[in-house]
Amino acid sequence: SNVRTIARRLLTKRGSKACTSILVA
């Protein structure tokens, strides 16, 4: 759960433009 939380925080900082298409997949 710690790793998952860290990953979520990093992706939130990167923002939607960098992540959206990959998350949809």
PDBML (XML) file of the C-alpha atoms, coordinates in Angstrom:
<?xml version="1.0" encoding="UTF-8" ?>
<PDBx:datablock datablockName="MODEL"
   xmlns:PDBx="http://pdbml.pdb.org/schema/pdbx-v50.xsd"
   xmlns:xsi="http://www.w3.org/2001/XMLSchema-instance"
   xsi:schemaLocation="http://pdbml.pdb.org/schema/pdbx-v50.xsd pdbx-v50.xsd">
   <PDBx:atom_siteCategory>
      <PDBx:atom_site id="1">
         <PDBx:B_iso_or_equiv>0.00</PDBx:B_iso_or_equiv>
         <PDBx:Cartn_x>0.000</PDBx:Cartn_x>
         <PDBx:Cartn_y>0.000</PDBx:Cartn_y>
         <PDBx:Cartn_z>0.000</PDBx:Cartn_z>
         <PDBx:auth_asym_id>A</PDBx:auth_asym_id>
         <PDBx:auth_atom_id>CA</PDBx:auth_atom_id>
         <PDBx:auth_comp_id>SER</PDBx:auth_comp_id>
         <PDBx:auth_seq_id>1</PDBx:auth_seq_id>
         <PDBx:group_PDB>ATOM</PDBx:group_PDB>
         <PDBx:label_alt_id xsi:nil="true" />
         <PDBx:label_asym_id>A</PDBx:label_asym_id>
         <PDBx:label_atom_id>CA</PDBx:label_atom_id>
         <PDBx:label_comp_id>SER</PDBx:label_comp_id>
         <PDBx:label_entity_id>1</PDBx:label_entity_id>
         <PDBx:label_seq_id>1</PDBx:label_seq_id>
         <PDBx:occupancy>1.00</PDBx:occupancy>
         <PDBx:pdbx_PDB_model_num>1</PDBx:pdbx_PDB_model_num>
         <PDBx:type_symbol>C</PDBx:type_symbol>
      </PDBx:atom_site>
      <PDBx:atom_site id="2">
         <PDBx:B_iso_or_equiv>0.00</PDBx:B_iso_or_equiv>
         <PDBx:Cartn_x>2.932</PDBx:Cartn_x>
         <PDBx:Cartn_y>2.346</PDBx:Cartn_y>
         <PDBx:Cartn_z>0.652</PDBx:Cartn_z>
         <PDBx:auth_asym_id>A</PDBx:auth_asym_id>
         <PDBx:auth_atom_id>CA</PDBx:auth_atom_id>
         <PDBx:auth_comp_id>ASN</PDBx:auth_comp_id>
         <PDBx:auth_seq_id>2</PDBx:auth_seq_id>
         <PDBx:group_PDB>ATOM</PDBx:group_PDB>
         <PDBx:label_alt_id xsi:nil="true" />
         <PDBx:label_asym_id>A</PDBx:label_asym_id>
         <PDBx:label_atom_id>CA</PDBx:label_atom_id>
         <PDBx:label_comp_id>ASN</PDBx:label_comp_id>
         <PDBx:label_entity_id>1</PDBx:label_entity_id>
         <PDBx:label_seq_id>2</PDBx:label_seq_id>
         <PDBx:occupancy>1.00</PDBx:occupancy>
         <PDBx:pdbx_PDB_model_num>1</PDBx:pdbx_PDB_model_num>
         <PDBx:type_symbol>C</PDBx:type_symbol>
      </PDBx:atom_site>
      <PDBx:atom_site id="3">
         <PDBx:B_iso_or_equiv>0.00</PDBx:B_iso_or_equiv>
         <PDBx:Cartn_x>4.254</PDBx:Cartn_x>
         <PDBx:Cartn_y>1.860</PDBx:Cartn_y>
         <PDBx:Cartn_z>-2.868</PDBx:Cartn_z>
         <PDBx:auth_asym_id>A</PDBx:auth_asym_id>
         <PDBx:auth_atom_id>CA</PDBx:auth_atom_id>
         <PDBx:auth_comp_id>VAL</PDBx:auth_comp_id>
         <PDBx:auth_seq_id>3</PDBx:auth_seq_id>
         <PDBx:group_PDB>ATOM</PDBx:group_PDB>
         <PDBx:label_alt_id xsi:nil="true" />
         <PDBx:label_asym_id>A</PDBx:label_asym_id>
         <PDBx:label_atom_id>CA</PDBx:label_atom_id>
         <PDBx:label_comp_id>VAL</PDBx:label_comp_id>
         <PDBx:label_entity_id>1</PDBx:label_entity_id>
         <PDBx:label_seq_id>3</PDBx:label_seq_id>
         <PDBx:occupancy>1.00</PDBx:occupancy>
         <PDBx:pdbx_PDB_model_num>1</PDBx:pdbx_PDB_model_num>
         <PDBx:type_symbol>C</PDBx:type_symbol>
      </PDBx:atom_site>
      <PDBx:atom_site id="4">
         <PDBx:B_iso_or_equiv>0.00</PDBx:B_iso_or_equiv>
         <PDBx:Cartn_x>0.776</PDBx:Cartn_x>
         <PDBx:Cartn_y>2.417</PDBx:Cartn_y>
         <PDBx:Cartn_z>-4.335</PDBx:Cartn_z>
         <PDBx:auth_asym_id>A</PDBx:auth_asym_id>
         <PDBx:auth_atom_id>CA</PDBx:auth_atom_id>
         <PDBx:auth_comp_id>ARG</PDBx:auth_comp_id>
         <PDBx:auth_seq_id>4</PDBx:auth_seq_id>
         <PDBx:group_PDB>ATOM</PDBx:group_PDB>
         <PDBx:label_alt_id xsi:nil="true" />
         <PDBx:label_asym_id>A</PDBx:label_asym_id>
         <PDBx:label_atom_id>CA</PDBx:label_atom_id>
         <PDBx:label_comp_id>ARG</PDBx:label_comp_id>
         <PDBx:label_entity_id>1</PDBx:label_entity_id>
         <PDBx:label_seq_id>4</PDBx:label_seq_id>
         <PDBx:occupancy>1.00</PDBx:occupancy>
         <PDBx:pdbx_PDB_model_num>1</PDBx:pdbx_PDB_model_num>
         <PDBx:type_symbol>C</PDBx:type_symbol>
      </PDBx:atom_site>
      <PDBx:atom_site id="5">
         <PDBx:B_iso_or_equiv>0.00</PDBx:B_iso_or_equiv>
         <PDBx:Cartn_x>0.341</PDBx:Cartn_x>
         <PDBx:Cartn_y>5.614</PDBx:Cartn_y>
         <PDBx:Cartn_z>-2.334</PDBx:Cartn_z>
         <PDBx:auth_asym_id>A</PDBx:auth_asym_id>
         <PDBx:auth_atom_id>CA</PDBx:auth_atom_id>
         <PDBx:auth_comp_id>THR</PDBx:auth_comp_id>
         <PDBx:auth_seq_id>5</PDBx:auth_seq_id>
         <PDBx:group_PDB>ATOM</PDBx:group_PDB>
         <PDBx:label_alt_id xsi:nil="true" />
         <PDBx:label_asym_id>A</PDBx:label_asym_id>
         <PDBx:label_atom_id>CA</PDBx:label_atom_id>
         <PDBx:label_comp_id>THR</PDBx:label_comp_id>
         <PDBx:label_entity_id>1</PDBx:label_entity_id>
         <PDBx:label_seq_id>5</PDBx:label_seq_id>
         <PDBx:occupancy>1.00</PDBx:occupancy>
         <PDBx:pdbx_PDB_model_num>1</PDBx:pdbx_PDB_model_num>
         <PDBx:type_symbol>C</PDBx:type_symbol>
      </PDBx:atom_site>
      <PDBx:atom_site id="6">
         <PDBx:B_iso_or_equiv>0.00</PDBx:B_iso_or_equiv>
         <PDBx:Cartn_x>3.710</PDBx:Cartn_x>
         <PDBx:Cartn_y>6.966</PDBx:Cartn_y>
         <PDBx:Cartn_z>-3.449</PDBx:Cartn_z>
         <PDBx:auth_asym_id>A</PDBx:auth_asym_id>
         <PDBx:auth_atom_id>CA</PDBx:auth_atom_id>
         <PDBx:auth_comp_id>ILE</PDBx:auth_comp_id>
         <PDBx:auth_seq_id>6</PDBx:auth_seq_id>
         <PDBx:group_PDB>ATOM</PDBx:group_PDB>
         <PDBx:label_alt_id xsi:nil="true" />
         <PDBx:label_asym_id>A</PDBx:label_asym_id>
         <PDBx:label_atom_id>CA</PDBx:label_atom_id>
         <PDBx:label_comp_id>ILE</PDBx:label_comp_id>
         <PDBx:label_entity_id>1</PDBx:label_entity_id>
         <PDBx:label_seq_id>6</PDBx:label_seq_id>
         <PDBx:occupancy>1.00</PDBx:occupancy>
         <PDBx:pdbx_PDB_model_num>1</PDBx:pdbx_PDB_model_num>
         <PDBx:type_symbol>C</PDBx:type_symbol>
      </PDBx:atom_site>
      <PDBx:atom_site id="7">
         <PDBx:B_iso_or_equiv>0.00</PDBx:B_iso_or_equiv>
         <PDBx:Cartn_x>2.935</PDBx:Cartn_x>
         <PDBx:Cartn_y>6.198</PDBx:Cartn_y>
         <PDBx:Cartn_z>-7.096</PDBx:Cartn_z>
         <PDBx:auth_asym_id>A</PDBx:auth_asym_id>
         <PDBx:auth_atom_id>CA</PDBx:auth_atom_id>
         <PDBx:auth_comp_id>ALA</PDBx:auth_comp_id>
         <PDBx:auth_seq_id>7</PDBx:auth_seq_id>
         <PDBx:group_PDB>ATOM</PDBx:group_PDB>
         <PDBx:label_alt_id xsi:nil="true" />
         <PDBx:label_asym_id>A</PDBx:label_asym_id>
         <PDBx:label_atom_id>CA</PDBx:label_atom_id>
         <PDBx:label_comp_id>ALA</PDBx:label_comp_id>
         <PDBx:label_entity_id>1</PDBx:label_entity_id>
         <PDBx:label_seq_id>7</PDBx:label_seq_id>
         <PDBx:occupancy>1.00</PDBx:occupancy>
         <PDBx:pdbx_PDB_model_num>1</PDBx:pdbx_PDB_model_num>
         <PDBx:type_symbol>C</PDBx:type_symbol>
      </PDBx:atom_site>
      <PDBx:atom_site id="8">
         <PDBx:B_iso_or_equiv>0.00</PDBx:B_iso_or_equiv>
         <PDBx:Cartn_x>-0.427</PDBx:Cartn_x>
         <PDBx:Cartn_y>7.983</PDBx:Cartn_y>
         <PDBx:Cartn_z>-6.868</PDBx:Cartn_z>
         <PDBx:auth_asym_id>A</PDBx:auth_asym_id>
         <PDBx:auth_atom_id>CA</PDBx:auth_atom_id>
         <PDBx:auth_comp_id>ARG</PDBx:auth_comp_id>
         <PDBx:auth_seq_id>8</PDBx:auth_seq_id>
         <PDBx:group_PDB>ATOM</PDBx:group_PDB>
         <PDBx:label_alt_id xsi:nil="true" />
         <PDBx:label_asym_id>A</PDBx:label_asym_id>
         <PDBx:label_atom_id>CA</PDBx:label_atom_id>
         <PDBx:label_comp_id>ARG</PDBx:label_comp_id>
         <PDBx:label_entity_id>1</PDBx:label_entity_id>
         <PDBx:label_seq_id>8</PDBx:label_seq_id>
         <PDBx:occupancy>1.00</PDBx:occupancy>
         <PDBx:pdbx_PDB_model_num>1</PDBx:pdbx_PDB_model_num>
         <PDBx:type_symbol>C</PDBx:type_symbol>
      </PDBx:atom_site>
      <PDBx:atom_site id="9">
         <PDBx:B_iso_or_equiv>0.00</PDBx:B_iso_or_equiv>
         <PDBx:Cartn_x>1.234</PDBx:Cartn_x>
         <PDBx:Cartn_y>11.072</PDBx:Cartn_y>
         <PDBx:Cartn_z>-5.391</PDBx:Cartn_z>
         <PDBx:auth_asym_id>A</PDBx:auth_asym_id>
         <PDBx:auth_atom_id>CA</PDBx:auth_atom_id>
         <PDBx:auth_comp_id>ARG</PDBx:auth_comp_id>
         <PDBx:auth_seq_id>9</PDBx:auth_seq_id>
         <PDBx:group_PDB>ATOM</PDBx:group_PDB>
         <PDBx:label_alt_id xsi:nil="true" />
         <PDBx:label_asym_id>A</PDBx:label_asym_id>
         <PDBx:label_atom_id>CA</PDBx:label_atom_id>
         <PDBx:label_comp_id>ARG</PDBx:label_comp_id>
         <PDBx:label_entity_id>1</PDBx:label_entity_id>
         <PDBx:label_seq_id>9</PDBx:label_seq_id>
         <PDBx:occupancy>1.00</PDBx:occupancy>
         <PDBx:pdbx_PDB_model_num>1</PDBx:pdbx_PDB_model_num>
         <PDBx:type_symbol>C</PDBx:type_symbol>
      </PDBx:atom_site>
      <PDBx:atom_site id="10">
         <PDBx:B_iso_or_equiv>0.00</PDBx:B_iso_or_equiv>
         <PDBx:Cartn_x>3.863</PDBx:Cartn_x>
         <PDBx:Cartn_y>11.174</PDBx:Cartn_y>
         <PDBx:Cartn_z>-8.127</PDBx:Cartn_z>
         <PDBx:auth_asym_id>A</PDBx:auth_asym_id>
         <PDBx:auth_atom_id>CA</PDBx:auth_atom_id>
         <PDBx:auth_comp_id>LEU</PDBx:auth_comp_id>
         <PDBx:auth_seq_id>10</PDBx:auth_seq_id>
         <PDBx:group_PDB>ATOM</PDBx:group_PDB>
         <PDBx:label_alt_id xsi:nil="true" />
         <PDBx:label_asym_id>A</PDBx:label_asym_id>
         <PDBx:label_atom_id>CA</PDBx:label_atom_id>
         <PDBx:label_comp_id>LEU</PDBx:label_comp_id>
         <PDBx:label_entity_id>1</PDBx:label_entity_id>
         <PDBx:label_seq_id>10</PDBx:label_seq_id>
         <PDBx:occupancy>1.00</PDBx:occupancy>
         <PDBx:pdbx_PDB_model_num>1</PDBx:pdbx_PDB_model_num>
         <PDBx:type_symbol>C</PDBx:type_symbol>
      </PDBx:atom_site>
      <PDBx:atom_site id="11">
         <PDBx:B_iso_or_equiv>0.00</PDBx:B_iso_or_equiv>
         <PDBx:Cartn_x>1.285</PDBx:Cartn_x>
         <PDBx:Cartn_y>10.832</PDBx:Cartn_y>
         <PDBx:Cartn_z>-10.880</PDBx:Cartn_z>
         <PDBx:auth_asym_id>A</PDBx:auth_asym_id>
         <PDBx:auth_atom_id>CA</PDBx:auth_atom_id>
         <PDBx:auth_comp_id>LEU</PDBx:auth_comp_id>
         <PDBx:auth_seq_id>11</PDBx:auth_seq_id>
         <PDBx:group_PDB>ATOM</PDBx:group_PDB>
         <PDBx:label_alt_id xsi:nil="true" />
         <PDBx:label_asym_id>A</PDBx:label_asym_id>
         <PDBx:label_atom_id>CA</PDBx:label_atom_id>
         <PDBx:label_comp_id>LEU</PDBx:label_comp_id>
         <PDBx:label_entity_id>1</PDBx:label_entity_id>
         <PDBx:label_seq_id>11</PDBx:label_seq_id>
         <PDBx:occupancy>1.00</PDBx:occupancy>
         <PDBx:pdbx_PDB_model_num>1</PDBx:pdbx_PDB_model_num>
         <PDBx:type_symbol>C</PDBx:type_symbol>
      </PDBx:atom_site>
      <PDBx:atom_site id="12">
         <PDBx:B_iso_or_equiv>0.00</PDBx:B_iso_or_equiv>
         <PDBx:Cartn_x>-0.874</PDBx:Cartn_x>
         <PDBx:Cartn_y>13.526</PDBx:Cartn_y>
         <PDBx:Cartn_z>-9.310</PDBx:Cartn_z>
         <PDBx:auth_asym_id>A</PDBx:auth_asym_id>
         <PDBx:auth_atom_id>CA</PDBx:auth_atom_id>
         <PDBx:auth_comp_id>THR</PDBx:auth_comp_id>
         <PDBx:auth_seq_id>12</PDBx:auth_seq_id>
         <PDBx:group_PDB>ATOM</PDBx:group_PDB>
         <PDBx:label_alt_id xsi:nil="true" />
         <PDBx:label_asym_id>A</PDBx:label_asym_id>
         <PDBx:label_atom_id>CA</PDBx:label_atom_id>
         <PDBx:label_comp_id>THR</PDBx:label_comp_id>
         <PDBx:label_entity_id>1</PDBx:label_entity_id>
         <PDBx:label_seq_id>12</PDBx:label_seq_id>
         <PDBx:occupancy>1.00</PDBx:occupancy>
         <PDBx:pdbx_PDB_model_num>1</PDBx:pdbx_PDB_model_num>
         <PDBx:type_symbol>C</PDBx:type_symbol>
      </PDBx:atom_site>
      <PDBx:atom_site id="13">
         <PDBx:B_iso_or_equiv>0.00</PDBx:B_iso_or_equiv>
         <PDBx:Cartn_x>2.100</PDBx:Cartn_x>
         <PDBx:Cartn_y>15.884</PDBx:Cartn_y>
         <PDBx:Cartn_z>-9.384</PDBx:Cartn_z>
         <PDBx:auth_asym_id>A</PDBx:auth_asym_id>
         <PDBx:auth_atom_id>CA</PDBx:auth_atom_id>
         <PDBx:auth_comp_id>LYS</PDBx:auth_comp_id>
         <PDBx:auth_seq_id>13</PDBx:auth_seq_id>
         <PDBx:group_PDB>ATOM</PDBx:group_PDB>
         <PDBx:label_alt_id xsi:nil="true" />
         <PDBx:label_asym_id>A</PDBx:label_asym_id>
         <PDBx:label_atom_id>CA</PDBx:label_atom_id>
         <PDBx:label_comp_id>LYS</PDBx:label_comp_id>
         <PDBx:label_entity_id>1</PDBx:label_entity_id>
         <PDBx:label_seq_id>13</PDBx:label_seq_id>
         <PDBx:occupancy>1.00</PDBx:occupancy>
         <PDBx:pdbx_PDB_model_num>1</PDBx:pdbx_PDB_model_num>
         <PDBx:type_symbol>C</PDBx:type_symbol>
      </PDBx:atom_site>
      <PDBx:atom_site id="14">
         <PDBx:B_iso_or_equiv>0.00</PDBx:B_iso_or_equiv>
         <PDBx:Cartn_x>2.825</PDBx:Cartn_x>
         <PDBx:Cartn_y>15.042</PDBx:Cartn_y>
         <PDBx:Cartn_z>-13.009</PDBx:Cartn_z>
         <PDBx:auth_asym_id>A</PDBx:auth_asym_id>
         <PDBx:auth_atom_id>CA</PDBx:auth_atom_id>
         <PDBx:auth_comp_id>ARG</PDBx:auth_comp_id>
         <PDBx:auth_seq_id>14</PDBx:auth_seq_id>
         <PDBx:group_PDB>ATOM</PDBx:group_PDB>
         <PDBx:label_alt_id xsi:nil="true" />
         <PDBx:label_asym_id>A</PDBx:label_asym_id>
         <PDBx:label_atom_id>CA</PDBx:label_atom_id>
         <PDBx:label_comp_id>ARG</PDBx:label_comp_id>
         <PDBx:label_entity_id>1</PDBx:label_entity_id>
         <PDBx:label_seq_id>14</PDBx:label_seq_id>
         <PDBx:occupancy>1.00</PDBx:occupancy>
         <PDBx:pdbx_PDB_model_num>1</PDBx:pdbx_PDB_model_num>
         <PDBx:type_symbol>C</PDBx:type_symbol>
      </PDBx:atom_site>
      <PDBx:atom_site id="15">
         <PDBx:B_iso_or_equiv>0.00</PDBx:B_iso_or_equiv>
         <PDBx:Cartn_x>-0.733</PDBx:Cartn_x>
         <PDBx:Cartn_y>15.986</PDBx:Cartn_y>
         <PDBx:Cartn_z>-13.923</PDBx:Cartn_z>
         <PDBx:auth_asym_id>A</PDBx:auth_asym_id>
         <PDBx:auth_atom_id>CA</PDBx:auth_atom_id>
         <PDBx:auth_comp_id>GLY</PDBx:auth_comp_id>
         <PDBx:auth_seq_id>15</PDBx:auth_seq_id>
         <PDBx:group_PDB>ATOM</PDBx:group_PDB>
         <PDBx:label_alt_id xsi:nil="true" />
         <PDBx:label_asym_id>A</PDBx:label_asym_id>
         <PDBx:label_atom_id>CA</PDBx:label_atom_id>
         <PDBx:label_comp_id>GLY</PDBx:label_comp_id>
         <PDBx:label_entity_id>1</PDBx:label_entity_id>
         <PDBx:label_seq_id>15</PDBx:label_seq_id>
         <PDBx:occupancy>1.00</PDBx:occupancy>
         <PDBx:pdbx_PDB_model_num>1</PDBx:pdbx_PDB_model_num>
         <PDBx:type_symbol>C</PDBx:type_symbol>
      </PDBx:atom_site>
      <PDBx:atom_site id="16">
         <PDBx:B_iso_or_equiv>0.00</PDBx:B_iso_or_equiv>
         <PDBx:Cartn_x>-3.341</PDBx:Cartn_x>
         <PDBx:Cartn_y>14.777</PDBx:Cartn_y>
         <PDBx:Cartn_z>-16.364</PDBx:Cartn_z>
         <PDBx:auth_asym_id>A</PDBx:auth_asym_id>
         <PDBx:auth_atom_id>CA</PDBx:auth_atom_id>
         <PDBx:auth_comp_id>SER</PDBx:auth_comp_id>
         <PDBx:auth_seq_id>16</PDBx:auth_seq_id>
         <PDBx:group_PDB>ATOM</PDBx:group_PDB>
         <PDBx:label_alt_id xsi:nil="true" />
         <PDBx:label_asym_id>A</PDBx:label_asym_id>
         <PDBx:label_atom_id>CA</PDBx:label_atom_id>
         <PDBx:label_comp_id>SER</PDBx:label_comp_id>
         <PDBx:label_entity_id>1</PDBx:label_entity_id>
         <PDBx:label_seq_id>16</PDBx:label_seq_id>
         <PDBx:occupancy>1.00</PDBx:occupancy>
         <PDBx:pdbx_PDB_model_num>1</PDBx:pdbx_PDB_model_num>
         <PDBx:type_symbol>C</PDBx:type_symbol>
      </PDBx:atom_site>
      <PDBx:atom_site id="17">
         <PDBx:B_iso_or_equiv>0.00</PDBx:B_iso_or_equiv>
         <PDBx:Cartn_x>-1.548</PDBx:Cartn_x>
         <PDBx:Cartn_y>15.697</PDBx:Cartn_y>
         <PDBx:Cartn_z>-19.605</PDBx:Cartn_z>
         <PDBx:auth_asym_id>A</PDBx:auth_asym_id>
         <PDBx:auth_atom_id>CA</PDBx:auth_atom_id>
         <PDBx:auth_comp_id>LYS</PDBx:auth_comp_id>
         <PDBx:auth_seq_id>17</PDBx:auth_seq_id>
         <PDBx:group_PDB>ATOM</PDBx:group_PDB>
         <PDBx:label_alt_id xsi:nil="true" />
         <PDBx:label_asym_id>A</PDBx:label_asym_id>
         <PDBx:label_atom_id>CA</PDBx:label_atom_id>
         <PDBx:label_comp_id>LYS</PDBx:label_comp_id>
         <PDBx:label_entity_id>1</PDBx:label_entity_id>
         <PDBx:label_seq_id>17</PDBx:label_seq_id>
         <PDBx:occupancy>1.00</PDBx:occupancy>
         <PDBx:pdbx_PDB_model_num>1</PDBx:pdbx_PDB_model_num>
         <PDBx:type_symbol>C</PDBx:type_symbol>
      </PDBx:atom_site>
      <PDBx:atom_site id="18">
         <PDBx:B_iso_or_equiv>0.00</PDBx:B_iso_or_equiv>
         <PDBx:Cartn_x>1.274</PDBx:Cartn_x>
         <PDBx:Cartn_y>13.285</PDBx:Cartn_y>
         <PDBx:Cartn_z>-18.878</PDBx:Cartn_z>
         <PDBx:auth_asym_id>A</PDBx:auth_asym_id>
         <PDBx:auth_atom_id>CA</PDBx:auth_atom_id>
         <PDBx:auth_comp_id>ALA</PDBx:auth_comp_id>
         <PDBx:auth_seq_id>18</PDBx:auth_seq_id>
         <PDBx:group_PDB>ATOM</PDBx:group_PDB>
         <PDBx:label_alt_id xsi:nil="true" />
         <PDBx:label_asym_id>A</PDBx:label_asym_id>
         <PDBx:label_atom_id>CA</PDBx:label_atom_id>
         <PDBx:label_comp_id>ALA</PDBx:label_comp_id>
         <PDBx:label_entity_id>1</PDBx:label_entity_id>
         <PDBx:label_seq_id>18</PDBx:label_seq_id>
         <PDBx:occupancy>1.00</PDBx:occupancy>
         <PDBx:pdbx_PDB_model_num>1</PDBx:pdbx_PDB_model_num>
         <PDBx:type_symbol>C</PDBx:type_symbol>
      </PDBx:atom_site>
      <PDBx:atom_site id="19">
         <PDBx:B_iso_or_equiv>0.00</PDBx:B_iso_or_equiv>
         <PDBx:Cartn_x>-0.870</PDBx:Cartn_x>
         <PDBx:Cartn_y>10.464</PDBx:Cartn_y>
         <PDBx:Cartn_z>-17.505</PDBx:Cartn_z>
         <PDBx:auth_asym_id>A</PDBx:auth_asym_id>
         <PDBx:auth_atom_id>CA</PDBx:auth_atom_id>
         <PDBx:auth_comp_id>CYS</PDBx:auth_comp_id>
         <PDBx:auth_seq_id>19</PDBx:auth_seq_id>
         <PDBx:group_PDB>ATOM</PDBx:group_PDB>
         <PDBx:label_alt_id xsi:nil="true" />
         <PDBx:label_asym_id>A</PDBx:label_asym_id>
         <PDBx:label_atom_id>CA</PDBx:label_atom_id>
         <PDBx:label_comp_id>CYS</PDBx:label_comp_id>
         <PDBx:label_entity_id>1</PDBx:label_entity_id>
         <PDBx:label_seq_id>19</PDBx:label_seq_id>
         <PDBx:occupancy>1.00</PDBx:occupancy>
         <PDBx:pdbx_PDB_model_num>1</PDBx:pdbx_PDB_model_num>
         <PDBx:type_symbol>C</PDBx:type_symbol>
      </PDBx:atom_site>
      <PDBx:atom_site id="20">
         <PDBx:B_iso_or_equiv>0.00</PDBx:B_iso_or_equiv>
         <PDBx:Cartn_x>-4.391</PDBx:Cartn_x>
         <PDBx:Cartn_y>10.398</PDBx:Cartn_y>
         <PDBx:Cartn_z>-18.949</PDBx:Cartn_z>
         <PDBx:auth_asym_id>A</PDBx:auth_asym_id>
         <PDBx:auth_atom_id>CA</PDBx:auth_atom_id>
         <PDBx:auth_comp_id>THR</PDBx:auth_comp_id>
         <PDBx:auth_seq_id>20</PDBx:auth_seq_id>
         <PDBx:group_PDB>ATOM</PDBx:group_PDB>
         <PDBx:label_alt_id xsi:nil="true" />
         <PDBx:label_asym_id>A</PDBx:label_asym_id>
         <PDBx:label_atom_id>CA</PDBx:label_atom_id>
         <PDBx:label_comp_id>THR</PDBx:label_comp_id>
         <PDBx:label_entity_id>1</PDBx:label_entity_id>
         <PDBx:label_seq_id>20</PDBx:label_seq_id>
         <PDBx:occupancy>1.00</PDBx:occupancy>
         <PDBx:pdbx_PDB_model_num>1</PDBx:pdbx_PDB_model_num>
         <PDBx:type_symbol>C</PDBx:type_symbol>
      </PDBx:atom_site>
      <PDBx:atom_site id="21">
         <PDBx:B_iso_or_equiv>0.00</PDBx:B_iso_or_equiv>
         <PDBx:Cartn_x>-3.953</PDBx:Cartn_x>
         <PDBx:Cartn_y>8.131</PDBx:Cartn_y>
         <PDBx:Cartn_z>-21.971</PDBx:Cartn_z>
         <PDBx:auth_asym_id>A</PDBx:auth_asym_id>
         <PDBx:auth_atom_id>CA</PDBx:auth_atom_id>
         <PDBx:auth_comp_id>SER</PDBx:auth_comp_id>
         <PDBx:auth_seq_id>21</PDBx:auth_seq_id>
         <PDBx:group_PDB>ATOM</PDBx:group_PDB>
         <PDBx:label_alt_id xsi:nil="true" />
         <PDBx:label_asym_id>A</PDBx:label_asym_id>
         <PDBx:label_atom_id>CA</PDBx:label_atom_id>
         <PDBx:label_comp_id>SER</PDBx:label_comp_id>
         <PDBx:label_entity_id>1</PDBx:label_entity_id>
         <PDBx:label_seq_id>21</PDBx:label_seq_id>
         <PDBx:occupancy>1.00</PDBx:occupancy>
         <PDBx:pdbx_PDB_model_num>1</PDBx:pdbx_PDB_model_num>
         <PDBx:type_symbol>C</PDBx:type_symbol>
      </PDBx:atom_site>
      <PDBx:atom_site id="22">
         <PDBx:B_iso_or_equiv>0.00</PDBx:B_iso_or_equiv>
         <PDBx:Cartn_x>-1.856</PDBx:Cartn_x>
         <PDBx:Cartn_y>5.629</PDBx:Cartn_y>
         <PDBx:Cartn_z>-20.008</PDBx:Cartn_z>
         <PDBx:auth_asym_id>A</PDBx:auth_asym_id>
         <PDBx:auth_atom_id>CA</PDBx:auth_atom_id>
         <PDBx:auth_comp_id>ILE</PDBx:auth_comp_id>
         <PDBx:auth_seq_id>22</PDBx:auth_seq_id>
         <PDBx:group_PDB>ATOM</PDBx:group_PDB>
         <PDBx:label_alt_id xsi:nil="true" />
         <PDBx:label_asym_id>A</PDBx:label_asym_id>
         <PDBx:label_atom_id>CA</PDBx:label_atom_id>
         <PDBx:label_comp_id>ILE</PDBx:label_comp_id>
         <PDBx:label_entity_id>1</PDBx:label_entity_id>
         <PDBx:label_seq_id>22</PDBx:label_seq_id>
         <PDBx:occupancy>1.00</PDBx:occupancy>
         <PDBx:pdbx_PDB_model_num>1</PDBx:pdbx_PDB_model_num>
         <PDBx:type_symbol>C</PDBx:type_symbol>
      </PDBx:atom_site>
      <PDBx:atom_site id="23">
         <PDBx:B_iso_or_equiv>0.00</PDBx:B_iso_or_equiv>
         <PDBx:Cartn_x>-4.331</PDBx:Cartn_x>
         <PDBx:Cartn_y>5.568</PDBx:Cartn_y>
         <PDBx:Cartn_z>-17.127</PDBx:Cartn_z>
         <PDBx:auth_asym_id>A</PDBx:auth_asym_id>
         <PDBx:auth_atom_id>CA</PDBx:auth_atom_id>
         <PDBx:auth_comp_id>LEU</PDBx:auth_comp_id>
         <PDBx:auth_seq_id>23</PDBx:auth_seq_id>
         <PDBx:group_PDB>ATOM</PDBx:group_PDB>
         <PDBx:label_alt_id xsi:nil="true" />
         <PDBx:label_asym_id>A</PDBx:label_asym_id>
         <PDBx:label_atom_id>CA</PDBx:label_atom_id>
         <PDBx:label_comp_id>LEU</PDBx:label_comp_id>
         <PDBx:label_entity_id>1</PDBx:label_entity_id>
         <PDBx:label_seq_id>23</PDBx:label_seq_id>
         <PDBx:occupancy>1.00</PDBx:occupancy>
         <PDBx:pdbx_PDB_model_num>1</PDBx:pdbx_PDB_model_num>
         <PDBx:type_symbol>C</PDBx:type_symbol>
      </PDBx:atom_site>
      <PDBx:atom_site id="24">
         <PDBx:B_iso_or_equiv>0.00</PDBx:B_iso_or_equiv>
         <PDBx:Cartn_x>-7.250</PDBx:Cartn_x>
         <PDBx:Cartn_y>4.959</PDBx:Cartn_y>
         <PDBx:Cartn_z>-19.504</PDBx:Cartn_z>
         <PDBx:auth_asym_id>A</PDBx:auth_asym_id>
         <PDBx:auth_atom_id>CA</PDBx:auth_atom_id>
         <PDBx:auth_comp_id>VAL</PDBx:auth_comp_id>
         <PDBx:auth_seq_id>24</PDBx:auth_seq_id>
         <PDBx:group_PDB>ATOM</PDBx:group_PDB>
         <PDBx:label_alt_id xsi:nil="true" />
         <PDBx:label_asym_id>A</PDBx:label_asym_id>
         <PDBx:label_atom_id>CA</PDBx:label_atom_id>
         <PDBx:label_comp_id>VAL</PDBx:label_comp_id>
         <PDBx:label_entity_id>1</PDBx:label_entity_id>
         <PDBx:label_seq_id>24</PDBx:label_seq_id>
         <PDBx:occupancy>1.00</PDBx:occupancy>
         <PDBx:pdbx_PDB_model_num>1</PDBx:pdbx_PDB_model_num>
         <PDBx:type_symbol>C</PDBx:type_symbol>
      </PDBx:atom_site>
      <PDBx:atom_site id="25">
         <PDBx:B_iso_or_equiv>0.00</PDBx:B_iso_or_equiv>
         <PDBx:Cartn_x>-5.481</PDBx:Cartn_x>
         <PDBx:Cartn_y>1.847</PDBx:Cartn_y>
         <PDBx:Cartn_z>-20.756</PDBx:Cartn_z>
         <PDBx:auth_asym_id>A</PDBx:auth_asym_id>
         <PDBx:auth_atom_id>CA</PDBx:auth_atom_id>
         <PDBx:auth_comp_id>ALA</PDBx:auth_comp_id>
         <PDBx:auth_seq_id>25</PDBx:auth_seq_id>
         <PDBx:group_PDB>ATOM</PDBx:group_PDB>
         <PDBx:label_alt_id xsi:nil="true" />
         <PDBx:label_asym_id>A</PDBx:label_asym_id>
         <PDBx:label_atom_id>CA</PDBx:label_atom_id>
         <PDBx:label_comp_id>ALA</PDBx:label_comp_id>
         <PDBx:label_entity_id>1</PDBx:label_entity_id>
         <PDBx:label_seq_id>25</PDBx:label_seq_id>
         <PDBx:occupancy>1.00</PDBx:occupancy>
         <PDBx:pdbx_PDB_model_num>1</PDBx:pdbx_PDB_model_num>
         <PDBx:type_symbol>C</PDBx:type_symbol>
      </PDBx:atom_site>
   </PDBx:atom_siteCategory>
</PDBx:datablock>
